[in-house]
């Protein structure tokens, strides 16, 4: 009879990190490092952990994240409010 054991938080964290590394390795030849950073930035990893996954430096990850934020910020500045007949506003890309 097999023993039923539950995974600890450390086990789950190790598994998630391994999964991230495998995903990054598979996608590295297909998409840019910037796109990989964009995909992984929602995983709550530190810049150093992202760098380890992507086999780069934490400084490179920090610069990439800064550029992605700047690009996203510029896109939101293009949204211009438009007044509709009833006085309400709608956002339209400018």
N, C-alpha and C. Protein backbone atom coordinates (compact mmCIF):
# COMPACT_ATOMS: atom_id res chain seq x y z
N UNK A 1 0.84 -1.18 0.00
CA UNK A 1 0.00 0.00 0.00
C UNK A 1 0.89 1.25 0.00
N UNK A 2 0.61 2.17 -0.89
CA UNK A 2 1.40 3.39 -1.00
C UNK A 2 1.02 4.37 0.09
N UNK A 3 2.02 5.08 0.60
CA UNK A 3 1.77 6.09 1.63
C UNK A 3 1.22 7.35 0.98
N UNK A 4 0.28 7.96 1.64
CA UNK A 4 -0.28 9.22 1.16
C UNK A 4 0.45 10.35 1.88
N UNK A 5 1.21 11.14 1.12
CA UNK A 5 1.93 12.26 1.72
C UNK A 5 1.48 13.53 1.04
N UNK A 6 1.38 14.59 1.81
CA UNK A 6 1.01 15.87 1.21
C UNK A 6 2.27 16.68 0.97
N UNK A 7 2.23 17.45 -0.08
CA UNK A 7 3.39 18.27 -0.44
C UNK A 7 3.47 19.48 0.49
N UNK A 8 4.68 19.79 0.89
CA UNK A 8 4.89 20.98 1.71
C UNK A 8 4.96 22.20 0.80
N UNK A 9 4.93 23.36 1.42
CA UNK A 9 5.04 24.60 0.66
C UNK A 9 6.37 24.66 -0.09
N UNK A 10 7.45 24.19 0.55
CA UNK A 10 8.75 24.15 -0.12
C UNK A 10 8.74 23.24 -1.35
N UNK A 11 8.07 22.10 -1.23
CA UNK A 11 7.96 21.18 -2.36
C UNK A 11 7.23 21.83 -3.53
N UNK A 12 6.15 22.53 -3.22
CA UNK A 12 5.37 23.19 -4.27
C UNK A 12 6.16 24.32 -4.91
N UNK A 13 6.92 25.05 -4.09
CA UNK A 13 7.75 26.13 -4.62
C UNK A 13 8.83 25.59 -5.55
N UNK A 14 9.48 24.51 -5.14
CA UNK A 14 10.50 23.88 -5.99
C UNK A 14 9.89 23.40 -7.31
N UNK A 15 8.70 22.83 -7.23
CA UNK A 15 8.03 22.34 -8.43
C UNK A 15 7.68 23.50 -9.36
N UNK A 16 7.20 24.61 -8.80
CA UNK A 16 6.85 25.77 -9.62
C UNK A 16 8.09 26.35 -10.29
N UNK A 17 9.19 26.44 -9.55
CA UNK A 17 10.43 26.95 -10.14
C UNK A 17 10.93 26.05 -11.26
N UNK A 18 10.84 24.75 -11.04
CA UNK A 18 11.26 23.80 -12.08
C UNK A 18 10.38 23.95 -13.32
N UNK A 19 9.09 24.09 -13.11
CA UNK A 19 8.16 24.26 -14.22
C UNK A 19 8.48 25.54 -14.99
N UNK A 20 8.76 26.63 -14.27
CA UNK A 20 9.12 27.90 -14.93
C UNK A 20 10.38 27.74 -15.76
N UNK A 21 11.37 27.04 -15.22
CA UNK A 21 12.63 26.85 -15.95
C UNK A 21 12.41 26.01 -17.21
N UNK A 22 11.59 24.98 -17.10
CA UNK A 22 11.30 24.14 -18.26
C UNK A 22 10.54 24.93 -19.33
N UNK A 23 9.58 25.73 -18.90
CA UNK A 23 8.83 26.56 -19.84
C UNK A 23 9.75 27.54 -20.54
N UNK A 24 10.60 28.19 -19.77
CA UNK A 24 11.53 29.17 -20.35
C UNK A 24 12.47 28.49 -21.34
N UNK A 25 12.97 27.30 -21.00
CA UNK A 25 13.88 26.59 -21.88
C UNK A 25 13.20 26.23 -23.20
N UNK A 26 11.95 25.80 -23.12
CA UNK A 26 11.22 25.43 -24.34
C UNK A 26 10.92 26.65 -25.21
N UNK A 27 10.60 27.76 -24.58
CA UNK A 27 10.19 28.94 -25.34
C UNK A 27 11.35 29.81 -25.81
N UNK A 28 12.54 29.61 -25.23
CA UNK A 28 13.68 30.46 -25.53
C UNK A 28 14.00 30.54 -27.02
N UNK A 29 13.84 29.45 -27.71
CA UNK A 29 14.16 29.45 -29.14
C UNK A 29 13.02 30.01 -29.99
N UNK A 30 11.86 30.20 -29.37
CA UNK A 30 10.70 30.63 -30.14
C UNK A 30 10.31 32.09 -29.94
N UNK A 31 10.59 32.63 -28.75
CA UNK A 31 10.21 34.02 -28.49
C UNK A 31 11.38 34.76 -27.83
N UNK A 32 11.30 36.07 -27.83
CA UNK A 32 12.38 36.90 -27.31
C UNK A 32 12.44 36.86 -25.78
N UNK A 33 13.57 37.27 -25.26
CA UNK A 33 13.75 37.32 -23.81
C UNK A 33 12.75 38.30 -23.18
N UNK A 34 12.47 39.38 -23.88
CA UNK A 34 11.50 40.36 -23.38
C UNK A 34 10.13 39.71 -23.22
N UNK A 35 9.72 38.93 -24.19
CA UNK A 35 8.43 38.24 -24.12
C UNK A 35 8.42 37.22 -22.99
N UNK A 36 9.55 36.54 -22.77
CA UNK A 36 9.64 35.60 -21.65
C UNK A 36 9.52 36.31 -20.31
N UNK A 37 10.17 37.45 -20.19
CA UNK A 37 10.07 38.24 -18.95
C UNK A 37 8.62 38.66 -18.75
N UNK A 38 7.97 39.10 -19.82
CA UNK A 38 6.57 39.51 -19.74
C UNK A 38 5.69 38.35 -19.26
N UNK A 39 5.94 37.16 -19.77
CA UNK A 39 5.17 35.98 -19.37
C UNK A 39 5.39 35.62 -17.90
N UNK A 40 6.63 35.74 -17.46
CA UNK A 40 6.98 35.28 -16.11
C UNK A 40 6.85 36.36 -15.04
N UNK A 41 6.62 37.62 -15.42
CA UNK A 41 6.60 38.68 -14.41
C UNK A 41 5.42 38.58 -13.46
N UNK A 42 4.40 37.87 -13.82
CA UNK A 42 3.25 37.70 -12.93
C UNK A 42 3.40 36.54 -11.96
N UNK A 43 4.57 35.93 -11.91
CA UNK A 43 4.77 34.76 -11.05
C UNK A 43 5.29 35.12 -9.66
N UNK A 44 5.42 36.41 -9.37
CA UNK A 44 5.91 36.88 -8.07
C UNK A 44 7.34 36.44 -7.76
N UNK A 45 8.12 36.20 -8.81
CA UNK A 45 9.53 35.89 -8.62
C UNK A 45 10.31 37.19 -8.52
N UNK A 46 11.41 37.17 -7.79
CA UNK A 46 12.29 38.33 -7.74
C UNK A 46 13.03 38.45 -9.06
N UNK A 47 13.68 39.60 -9.27
CA UNK A 47 14.47 39.78 -10.49
C UNK A 47 15.56 38.72 -10.58
N UNK A 48 16.18 38.40 -9.44
CA UNK A 48 17.24 37.38 -9.45
C UNK A 48 16.68 36.01 -9.81
N UNK A 49 15.50 35.68 -9.28
CA UNK A 49 14.89 34.39 -9.61
C UNK A 49 14.50 34.33 -11.08
N UNK A 50 13.96 35.42 -11.62
CA UNK A 50 13.67 35.47 -13.05
C UNK A 50 14.94 35.31 -13.87
N UNK A 51 16.00 35.98 -13.42
CA UNK A 51 17.29 35.88 -14.12
C UNK A 51 17.80 34.45 -14.11
N UNK A 52 17.65 33.77 -12.99
CA UNK A 52 18.08 32.37 -12.91
C UNK A 52 17.31 31.49 -13.89
N UNK A 53 16.01 31.74 -13.98
CA UNK A 53 15.16 30.97 -14.90
C UNK A 53 15.58 31.22 -16.35
N UNK A 54 15.90 32.48 -16.66
CA UNK A 54 16.20 32.86 -18.04
C UNK A 54 17.69 32.80 -18.37
N UNK A 55 18.49 32.42 -17.39
CA UNK A 55 19.95 32.31 -17.57
C UNK A 55 20.55 33.65 -18.01
N UNK A 56 20.21 34.69 -17.25
CA UNK A 56 20.71 36.04 -17.50
C UNK A 56 20.99 36.69 -16.15
N UNK A 57 21.16 38.01 -16.13
CA UNK A 57 21.45 38.70 -14.87
C UNK A 57 20.20 39.41 -14.35
N UNK A 58 20.20 39.69 -13.06
CA UNK A 58 19.09 40.42 -12.44
C UNK A 58 18.98 41.83 -13.01
N UNK A 59 20.13 42.43 -13.34
CA UNK A 59 20.12 43.77 -13.92
C UNK A 59 19.44 43.78 -15.28
N UNK A 60 19.68 42.76 -16.08
CA UNK A 60 19.03 42.65 -17.39
C UNK A 60 17.53 42.53 -17.23
N UNK A 61 17.10 41.73 -16.26
CA UNK A 61 15.67 41.57 -16.00
C UNK A 61 15.07 42.90 -15.55
N UNK A 62 15.77 43.62 -14.67
CA UNK A 62 15.27 44.90 -14.17
C UNK A 62 15.09 45.91 -15.31
N UNK A 63 16.05 45.97 -16.21
CA UNK A 63 15.97 46.88 -17.35
C UNK A 63 14.81 46.48 -18.26
N UNK A 64 14.66 45.20 -18.50
CA UNK A 64 13.57 44.71 -19.35
C UNK A 64 12.22 45.06 -18.74
N UNK A 65 12.07 44.85 -17.43
CA UNK A 65 10.82 45.18 -16.75
C UNK A 65 10.54 46.68 -16.82
N UNK A 66 11.58 47.48 -16.65
CA UNK A 66 11.42 48.94 -16.73
C UNK A 66 10.94 49.35 -18.12
N UNK A 67 11.52 48.76 -19.15
CA UNK A 67 11.11 49.08 -20.53
C UNK A 67 9.67 48.64 -20.80
N UNK A 68 9.29 47.47 -20.26
CA UNK A 68 7.92 46.99 -20.46
C UNK A 68 6.92 47.92 -19.77
N UNK A 69 7.26 48.38 -18.55
CA UNK A 69 6.37 49.30 -17.84
C UNK A 69 6.26 50.64 -18.58
N UNK A 70 7.38 51.12 -19.10
CA UNK A 70 7.38 52.39 -19.84
C UNK A 70 6.53 52.27 -21.09
N UNK A 71 6.65 51.14 -21.77
CA UNK A 71 5.88 50.91 -22.99
C UNK A 71 4.38 50.84 -22.67
N UNK A 72 4.04 50.16 -21.57
CA UNK A 72 2.64 50.04 -21.17
C UNK A 72 2.08 51.40 -20.76
N UNK A 73 2.90 52.20 -20.09
CA UNK A 73 2.49 53.53 -19.67
C UNK A 73 2.22 54.43 -20.88
N UNK A 74 3.06 54.32 -21.88
CA UNK A 74 2.88 55.12 -23.09
C UNK A 74 1.59 54.75 -23.80
N UNK A 75 1.22 53.48 -23.77
CA UNK A 75 -0.01 53.05 -24.42
C UNK A 75 -1.24 53.62 -23.72
N UNK A 76 -1.19 53.71 -22.39
CA UNK A 76 -2.35 54.24 -21.68
C UNK A 76 -2.51 55.73 -21.88
N UNK A 77 -1.42 56.44 -22.22
CA UNK A 77 -1.51 57.88 -22.50
C UNK A 77 -2.22 58.13 -23.82
N UNK A 78 -2.30 57.13 -24.69
CA UNK A 78 -2.95 57.29 -25.99
C UNK A 78 -4.48 57.21 -25.88
N UNK A 79 -4.99 56.84 -24.72
CA UNK A 79 -6.43 56.74 -24.55
C UNK A 79 -6.98 58.13 -24.27
N UNK A 80 -7.92 58.58 -25.13
CA UNK A 80 -8.46 59.94 -25.05
C UNK A 80 -9.94 59.84 -24.68
N UNK A 81 -10.37 60.58 -23.64
CA UNK A 81 -11.81 60.56 -23.31
C UNK A 81 -12.64 61.26 -24.38
N UNK A 82 -13.76 60.69 -24.73
CA UNK A 82 -14.65 61.27 -25.73
C UNK A 82 -16.00 61.48 -25.07
N UNK A 83 -16.56 62.67 -25.20
CA UNK A 83 -17.85 62.98 -24.61
C UNK A 83 -18.94 62.51 -25.56
N UNK A 84 -19.86 61.73 -25.02
CA UNK A 84 -20.99 61.22 -25.79
C UNK A 84 -22.18 62.15 -25.54
N UNK A 85 -23.19 62.10 -26.37
CA UNK A 85 -24.32 63.03 -26.31
C UNK A 85 -24.93 63.18 -24.92
N UNK A 86 -25.04 62.12 -24.15
CA UNK A 86 -25.69 62.20 -22.85
C UNK A 86 -24.77 62.75 -21.77
N UNK A 87 -23.56 63.18 -22.14
CA UNK A 87 -22.66 63.80 -21.19
C UNK A 87 -21.68 62.83 -20.53
N UNK A 88 -21.84 61.54 -20.74
CA UNK A 88 -20.91 60.58 -20.15
C UNK A 88 -19.65 60.50 -21.01
N UNK A 89 -18.62 59.89 -20.47
CA UNK A 89 -17.35 59.77 -21.20
C UNK A 89 -17.09 58.33 -21.58
N UNK A 90 -16.42 58.14 -22.68
CA UNK A 90 -15.95 56.83 -23.11
C UNK A 90 -14.50 56.98 -23.51
N UNK A 91 -13.70 55.97 -23.31
CA UNK A 91 -12.29 56.04 -23.69
C UNK A 91 -12.10 55.45 -25.07
N UNK A 92 -11.38 56.18 -25.90
CA UNK A 92 -11.13 55.76 -27.26
C UNK A 92 -9.65 55.91 -27.53
N UNK A 93 -9.06 54.92 -28.19
CA UNK A 93 -7.64 55.02 -28.54
C UNK A 93 -7.43 56.20 -29.46
N UNK A 94 -6.42 57.05 -29.12
CA UNK A 94 -6.17 58.26 -29.91
C UNK A 94 -5.22 58.07 -31.03
